[in-house]
Amino acid sequence: MIRRRSVDGRDTVPESSVDAARRRILLGMSAGGAAWVLGSGARAAPGTLLMRAIPSSNETLPAVGLGTWAAFDVEAKGAEFEQAREALARFKELGGRVVDTSPMYGRAEAALGTAGAAVDPDAKLFFATKIWTRGKAEGQAQWAESLRRMGRKRIELGQVHNLLDLDVQLANLRAARERGEVRYVGVTHYTASAHEELARTLEREKLDFLQVNYSIAEPEAAQRLLGVARERGVAVLINRPFQEGEMIGRVKGRALPPVATALGCTSAAQLFLKWIVAEPAVTCVLCGTRKPQHVADNLAAAQGRLPDAAERRAIEDWYRA
């Protein structure tokens, strides 16, 4: 994580890798060019976001969500926390719902819980977290601690993080669902090497959600895993949509391609997100940031039409050029 001095010079605020990449683009370009690549016009408006259904319930969710890895790993007070709280407030104001966290994300669960108490007292946001430990008692204790940190009696989605101690922790989550502490159950991973194991898990277990990496830079999930999710009626959350900022850094200094105009995109991030959401198996893409302006820019990708096959190839060609 990179630290930079705030505008007033008094605080140092850590940036996520995605935010840092966007900042490098801005510093490396003229003001006009930066506005074209980063986006200063298109912003999401409440009630206009593309919605996708959870197959197991038909409940709908906006197609772009908020991730908390690195970005929300802050003390639940001070300038860094206020930025996170403002980002969460903006996210909710613009119609966002899905917010994903984990006990392995440092202080993120606690920061999200404190921010949520302030901006989401009616618990309308769709909070998701994970179990990331071994052992029945350890998993039960971790789940109870997540509920406490997040200030919720019930969390919408519980996931076995990176398939760790899968059978034991799935049993823990299903027991939590019986107690009314969670609504949906799923599994996660973030590397292509785990995709086959994820596919076998979906084929064997009745699950509501899968969370996995998928992007132009990491397209392997489309080879088999996303098809299995469709066949099994499993909702799909996408992590690493910008490959931790590397994708945005790769297009530094470039004007957006003509396909951006056709799709109404004003930033590289919006192009990359629309490419992902155009995959029918995808339910929601998680974008990690605590910057309100990036929240708005990301959510704008869930507006307007999605690229067809030829336009997806045009986005890929531009990225890889």
Protein backbone atom coordinates (compact mmCIF):
# COMPACT_ATOMS: atom_id res chain seq x y z
CA MET A 1 0.00 0.00 0.00
CA ILE A 2 1.28 3.50 -0.89
CA ARG A 3 1.00 6.44 1.48
CA ARG A 4 0.60 10.01 0.31
CA ARG A 5 0.08 13.32 2.05
CA SER A 6 -3.45 14.69 2.08
CA VAL A 7 -4.38 17.97 0.44
CA ASP A 8 -4.09 19.95 3.67
CA GLY A 9 -0.68 18.43 4.38
CA ARG A 10 -1.60 17.23 7.88
CA ASP A 11 -2.49 13.56 7.36
CA THR A 12 -0.99 10.68 5.46
CA VAL A 13 -3.63 8.52 3.81
CA PRO A 14 -2.83 5.03 2.43
CA GLU A 15 -4.04 4.34 -1.07
CA SER A 16 -5.15 1.02 -2.46
CA SER A 17 -3.17 -0.17 -5.47
CA VAL A 18 -6.09 0.71 -7.75
CA ASP A 19 -6.30 4.25 -6.37
CA ALA A 20 -2.53 4.65 -6.69
CA ALA A 21 -2.62 3.56 -10.33
CA ARG A 22 -5.38 6.05 -11.09
CA ARG A 23 -3.37 8.81 -9.39
CA ARG A 24 -0.28 7.97 -11.47
CA ILE A 25 -2.34 8.32 -14.64
CA LEU A 26 -3.57 11.71 -13.48
CA LEU A 27 -0.08 12.96 -12.64
CA GLY A 28 1.33 11.72 -15.94
CA MET A 29 -1.15 13.44 -18.23
CA SER A 30 -2.47 16.86 -19.06
CA ALA A 31 -5.62 17.88 -17.23
CA GLY A 32 -7.77 17.36 -20.32
CA GLY A 33 -6.35 13.95 -21.10
CA ALA A 34 -6.74 12.81 -17.52
CA ALA A 35 -10.39 13.79 -17.50
CA TRP A 36 -10.90 11.72 -20.63
CA VAL A 37 -9.25 8.57 -19.28
CA LEU A 38 -10.36 8.80 -15.64
CA GLY A 39 -13.82 10.16 -16.23
CA SER A 40 -15.17 13.52 -15.09
CA GLY A 41 -18.61 13.39 -16.69
CA ALA A 42 -20.53 10.11 -16.40
CA ARG A 43 -21.65 9.46 -12.85
CA ALA A 44 -24.15 6.96 -11.53
CA ALA A 45 -27.52 8.30 -10.47
CA PRO A 46 -29.77 6.57 -7.92
CA GLY A 47 -32.24 4.06 -9.27
CA THR A 48 -30.62 3.63 -12.68
CA LEU A 49 -28.17 0.78 -12.07
CA LEU A 50 -28.21 -2.51 -13.96
CA MET A 51 -29.60 -5.22 -11.68
CA ARG A 52 -28.81 -8.93 -11.69
CA ALA A 53 -30.79 -11.71 -9.97
CA ILE A 54 -29.48 -14.14 -7.37
CA PRO A 55 -30.60 -17.46 -8.93
CA SER A 56 -31.45 -19.17 -5.63
CA SER A 57 -33.92 -16.45 -4.59
CA ASN A 58 -34.49 -14.07 -7.53
CA GLU A 59 -33.52 -11.16 -5.27
CA THR A 60 -31.80 -8.55 -7.45
CA LEU A 61 -28.54 -6.72 -6.80
CA PRO A 62 -26.76 -3.87 -8.61
CA ALA A 63 -24.08 -5.20 -10.94
CA VAL A 64 -21.26 -3.16 -9.34
CA GLY A 65 -20.38 -3.40 -5.65
CA LEU A 66 -17.77 -2.20 -3.16
CA GLY A 67 -14.77 -4.16 -1.90
CA THR A 68 -12.94 -3.34 1.33
CA TRP A 69 -9.60 -5.15 0.95
CA ALA A 70 -6.82 -2.64 1.81
CA ALA A 71 -9.12 0.35 1.33
CA PHE A 72 -11.05 -0.10 4.61
CA ASP A 73 -8.15 -1.42 6.68
CA VAL A 74 -8.14 1.71 8.83
CA GLU A 75 -8.85 2.72 12.42
CA ALA A 76 -12.54 3.47 12.96
CA LYS A 77 -11.75 7.15 13.53
CA GLY A 78 -9.71 9.93 11.98
CA ALA A 79 -9.20 11.18 8.41
CA GLU A 80 -8.78 7.76 6.81
CA PHE A 81 -11.97 6.49 8.38
CA GLU A 82 -13.91 9.62 7.40
CA GLN A 83 -12.90 9.05 3.79
CA ALA A 84 -14.12 5.45 4.02
CA ARG A 85 -17.38 6.55 5.64
CA GLU A 86 -17.94 9.15 2.91
CA ALA A 87 -17.27 6.54 0.22
CA LEU A 88 -19.80 4.18 1.80
CA ALA A 89 -22.35 6.98 2.05
CA ARG A 90 -21.83 7.87 -1.62
CA PHE A 91 -22.11 4.22 -2.58
CA LYS A 92 -25.48 3.88 -0.86
CA GLU A 93 -26.71 7.26 -2.17
CA LEU A 94 -26.03 6.18 -5.76
CA GLY A 95 -27.87 2.89 -5.37
CA GLY A 96 -25.03 0.50 -4.56
CA ARG A 97 -25.78 -2.42 -2.23
CA VAL A 98 -23.16 -5.19 -2.11
CA VAL A 99 -20.23 -4.52 0.24
CA ASP A 100 -17.72 -7.35 0.68
CA THR A 101 -15.21 -7.75 3.50
CA SER A 102 -13.34 -10.44 5.45
CA PRO A 103 -11.71 -11.00 8.84
CA MET A 104 -8.42 -11.35 6.95
CA TYR A 105 -8.70 -7.73 5.73
CA GLY A 106 -7.18 -6.31 8.90
CA ARG A 107 -9.47 -3.67 10.44
CA ALA A 108 -11.92 -3.60 7.54
CA GLU A 109 -14.83 -5.39 9.24
CA ALA A 110 -14.74 -3.02 12.21
CA ALA A 111 -14.36 0.08 10.03
CA LEU A 112 -17.24 -1.07 7.84
CA GLY A 113 -19.40 -1.77 10.87
CA THR A 114 -18.79 1.67 12.35
CA ALA A 115 -19.32 3.42 9.01
CA GLY A 116 -22.42 1.32 8.35
CA ALA A 117 -23.96 2.31 11.68
CA ALA A 118 -23.67 5.94 10.60
CA VAL A 119 -24.75 5.77 6.96
CA ASP A 120 -26.85 2.59 6.84
CA PRO A 121 -28.83 2.46 10.10
CA ASP A 122 -31.73 0.76 8.30
CA ALA A 123 -29.39 -2.07 7.18
CA LYS A 124 -30.31 -1.78 3.50
CA LEU A 125 -26.79 -2.54 2.31
CA PHE A 126 -25.97 -6.14 1.41
CA PHE A 127 -23.03 -6.96 3.69
CA ALA A 128 -20.89 -9.99 2.86
CA THR A 129 -18.03 -11.42 4.88
CA LYS A 130 -16.13 -14.68 5.23
CA ILE A 131 -14.82 -17.39 7.52
CA TRP A 132 -11.06 -17.81 7.20
CA THR A 133 -9.79 -20.29 9.78
CA ARG A 134 -9.60 -23.99 10.59
CA GLY A 135 -11.70 -25.94 13.08
CA LYS A 136 -15.36 -25.94 14.04
CA ALA A 137 -15.00 -23.95 17.26
CA GLU A 138 -12.57 -21.52 15.65
CA GLY A 139 -14.96 -20.89 12.75
CA GLN A 140 -17.90 -20.35 15.09
CA ALA A 141 -15.88 -17.89 17.16
CA GLN A 142 -14.70 -16.00 14.08
CA TRP A 143 -18.24 -15.73 12.74
CA ALA A 144 -19.50 -14.39 16.09
CA GLU A 145 -16.69 -11.83 16.09
CA SER A 146 -17.56 -10.74 12.54
CA LEU A 147 -21.15 -10.14 13.61
CA ARG A 148 -19.93 -8.07 16.54
CA ARG A 149 -17.45 -6.03 14.50
CA MET A 150 -19.99 -5.32 11.77
CA GLY A 151 -22.74 -4.46 14.25
CA ARG A 152 -25.25 -6.82 12.65
CA LYS A 153 -27.40 -9.61 14.02
CA ARG A 154 -27.55 -10.98 10.49
CA ILE A 155 -25.17 -10.70 7.55
CA GLU A 156 -26.50 -11.22 4.04
CA LEU A 157 -23.72 -13.45 2.72
CA GLY A 158 -21.23 -15.71 4.48
CA GLN A 159 -18.42 -17.24 2.43
CA VAL A 160 -15.69 -19.82 3.03
CA HIS A 161 -12.62 -17.75 2.23
CA ASN A 162 -10.23 -19.35 -0.27
CA LEU A 163 -11.85 -22.75 0.37
CA LEU A 164 -9.97 -23.06 3.68
CA ASP A 165 -11.26 -26.01 5.78
CA LEU A 166 -14.17 -26.13 3.36
CA ASP A 167 -16.40 -28.87 4.75
CA VAL A 168 -16.15 -27.72 8.36
CA GLN A 169 -16.72 -24.04 7.61
CA LEU A 170 -19.60 -24.70 5.20
CA ALA A 171 -21.25 -26.64 8.03
CA ASN A 172 -20.65 -23.66 10.34
CA LEU A 173 -22.22 -21.25 7.86
CA ARG A 174 -25.22 -23.49 7.28
CA ALA A 175 -25.75 -23.71 11.03
CA ALA A 176 -25.53 -19.90 11.20
CA ARG A 177 -28.20 -19.73 8.50
CA GLU A 178 -30.45 -21.99 10.58
CA ARG A 179 -30.01 -19.54 13.48
CA GLY A 180 -30.96 -16.61 11.22
CA GLU A 181 -27.47 -15.08 11.28
CA VAL A 182 -26.85 -15.26 7.52
CA ARG A 183 -29.07 -15.43 4.44
CA TYR A 184 -26.80 -16.82 1.73
CA VAL A 185 -23.78 -19.15 1.73
CA GLY A 186 -20.89 -19.26 -0.74
CA VAL A 187 -17.20 -19.89 -1.42
CA THR A 188 -14.36 -17.71 -2.66
CA HIS A 189 -10.92 -17.72 -4.22
CA TYR A 190 -8.76 -15.27 -6.15
CA THR A 191 -6.41 -17.32 -8.34
CA ALA A 192 -6.89 -19.30 -11.54
CA SER A 193 -5.12 -22.29 -10.02
CA ALA A 194 -8.15 -22.78 -7.74
CA HIS A 195 -10.80 -22.62 -10.48
CA GLU A 196 -11.05 -26.36 -11.03
CA GLU A 197 -11.48 -27.00 -7.31
CA LEU A 198 -14.12 -24.28 -7.20
CA ALA A 199 -15.95 -25.91 -10.12
CA ARG A 200 -15.92 -29.29 -8.40
CA THR A 201 -17.21 -27.66 -5.21
CA LEU A 202 -20.13 -26.07 -7.07
CA GLU A 203 -20.97 -29.41 -8.65
CA ARG A 204 -20.91 -31.16 -5.28
CA GLU A 205 -22.45 -28.58 -2.91
CA LYS A 206 -25.67 -26.56 -2.99
CA LEU A 207 -24.40 -22.98 -2.77
CA ASP A 208 -25.87 -19.53 -3.35
CA PHE A 209 -22.71 -17.61 -4.27
CA LEU A 210 -19.29 -17.99 -5.83
CA GLN A 211 -16.66 -15.23 -5.58
CA VAL A 212 -13.74 -15.44 -8.01
CA ASN A 213 -11.25 -13.39 -10.04
CA TYR A 214 -12.22 -12.48 -13.61
CA SER A 215 -11.08 -9.69 -15.93
CA ILE A 216 -9.50 -9.08 -19.32
CA ALA A 217 -6.13 -9.75 -17.67
CA GLU A 218 -7.39 -12.84 -15.82
CA PRO A 219 -10.07 -14.39 -18.07
CA GLU A 220 -9.60 -18.05 -17.07
CA ALA A 221 -12.87 -18.34 -15.13
CA ALA A 222 -14.79 -18.24 -18.43
CA GLN A 223 -13.18 -21.50 -19.60
CA ARG A 224 -15.33 -23.70 -17.34
CA LEU A 225 -16.06 -22.20 -13.91
CA LEU A 226 -18.58 -19.53 -14.92
CA GLY A 227 -20.44 -22.09 -17.02
CA VAL A 228 -20.73 -24.40 -14.02
CA ALA A 229 -22.05 -21.50 -11.94
CA ARG A 230 -24.75 -20.82 -14.56
CA GLU A 231 -25.73 -24.48 -14.74
CA ARG A 232 -25.90 -24.81 -10.96
CA GLY A 233 -27.81 -21.56 -10.41
CA VAL A 234 -25.05 -19.88 -8.39
CA ALA A 235 -24.66 -16.10 -8.20
CA VAL A 236 -21.16 -14.84 -9.05
CA LEU A 237 -19.22 -12.04 -7.36
CA ILE A 238 -16.06 -10.91 -9.16
CA ASN A 239 -12.92 -9.82 -7.35
CA ARG A 240 -9.70 -8.30 -8.76
CA PRO A 241 -11.52 -6.52 -11.65
CA PHE A 242 -8.48 -4.27 -12.25
CA GLN A 243 -5.83 -6.86 -11.25
CA GLU A 244 -5.03 -4.77 -8.15
CA GLY A 245 -4.51 -1.65 -10.27
CA GLU A 246 -2.13 -3.17 -12.82
CA MET A 247 -4.70 -2.95 -15.62
CA ILE A 248 -5.28 0.76 -15.06
CA GLY A 249 -1.54 1.36 -14.92
CA ARG A 250 -1.10 -0.47 -18.24
CA VAL A 251 -3.29 2.03 -20.10
CA LYS A 252 -1.65 5.07 -18.54
CA GLY A 253 -1.47 7.97 -20.99
CA ARG A 254 -3.76 6.48 -23.62
CA ALA A 255 -6.89 8.07 -25.04
CA LEU A 256 -9.93 5.86 -24.70
CA PRO A 257 -10.88 3.83 -27.80
CA PRO A 258 -13.92 4.64 -29.99
CA VAL A 259 -15.88 1.84 -28.31
CA ALA A 260 -15.89 3.92 -25.12
CA THR A 261 -18.00 6.59 -26.81
CA ALA A 262 -20.41 3.99 -28.14
CA LEU A 263 -20.86 2.58 -24.63
CA GLY A 264 -21.00 5.94 -22.85
CA CYS A 265 -17.81 5.22 -20.89
CA THR A 266 -15.64 8.09 -19.65
CA SER A 267 -12.91 6.06 -17.92
CA ALA A 268 -10.80 2.97 -18.41
CA ALA A 269 -12.29 1.55 -15.21
CA GLN A 270 -15.79 1.76 -16.69
CA LEU A 271 -14.67 -0.04 -19.85
CA PHE A 272 -13.06 -2.84 -17.85
CA LEU A 273 -16.13 -3.22 -15.64
CA LYS A 274 -18.57 -3.26 -18.56
CA TRP A 275 -16.45 -5.98 -20.18
CA ILE A 276 -16.88 -8.10 -17.05
CA VAL A 277 -20.59 -7.43 -16.53
CA ALA A 278 -21.27 -8.36 -20.16
CA GLU A 279 -20.63 -11.97 -19.09
CA PRO A 280 -24.17 -13.23 -18.26
CA ALA A 281 -22.99 -15.39 -15.34
CA VAL A 282 -21.70 -12.35 -13.44
CA THR A 283 -23.98 -11.00 -10.73
CA CYS A 284 -21.84 -8.22 -9.22
CA VAL A 285 -18.29 -6.90 -9.60
CA LEU A 286 -16.51 -5.81 -6.40
CA CYS A 287 -14.36 -2.69 -6.74
CA GLY A 288 -12.08 -1.90 -3.82
CA THR A 289 -11.73 1.80 -3.01
CA ARG A 290 -12.51 4.31 -0.30
CA LYS A 291 -12.51 7.34 -2.60
CA PRO A 292 -16.03 8.71 -3.18
CA GLN A 293 -15.16 9.88 -6.70
CA HIS A 294 -14.03 6.39 -7.66
CA VAL A 295 -17.17 4.89 -6.13
CA ALA A 296 -19.23 7.10 -8.45
CA ASP A 297 -17.01 6.35 -11.45
CA ASN A 298 -17.26 2.59 -10.88
CA LEU A 299 -21.03 2.60 -10.37
CA ALA A 300 -21.45 4.46 -13.66
CA ALA A 301 -20.33 1.24 -15.38
CA ALA A 302 -23.64 -0.29 -14.27
CA GLN A 303 -25.55 2.24 -16.39
CA GLY A 304 -26.33 2.18 -20.09
CA ARG A 305 -25.91 -0.74 -22.41
CA LEU A 306 -23.29 -3.46 -22.20
CA PRO A 307 -20.79 -4.33 -24.95
CA ASP A 308 -21.64 -7.02 -27.47
CA ALA A 309 -19.08 -9.65 -28.49
CA ALA A 310 -17.39 -7.41 -31.07
CA GLU A 311 -17.18 -4.51 -28.63
CA ARG A 312 -15.73 -6.75 -25.94
CA ARG A 313 -13.00 -7.75 -28.42
CA ALA A 314 -12.38 -4.06 -29.16
CA ILE A 315 -11.90 -3.36 -25.45
CA GLU A 316 -9.53 -6.33 -25.18
CA ASP A 317 -7.53 -5.17 -28.22
CA TRP A 318 -7.19 -1.67 -26.80
CA TYR A 319 -6.05 -2.98 -23.43
CA ARG A 320 -3.50 -5.36 -24.95
CA ALA A 321 -2.12 -2.95 -27.57
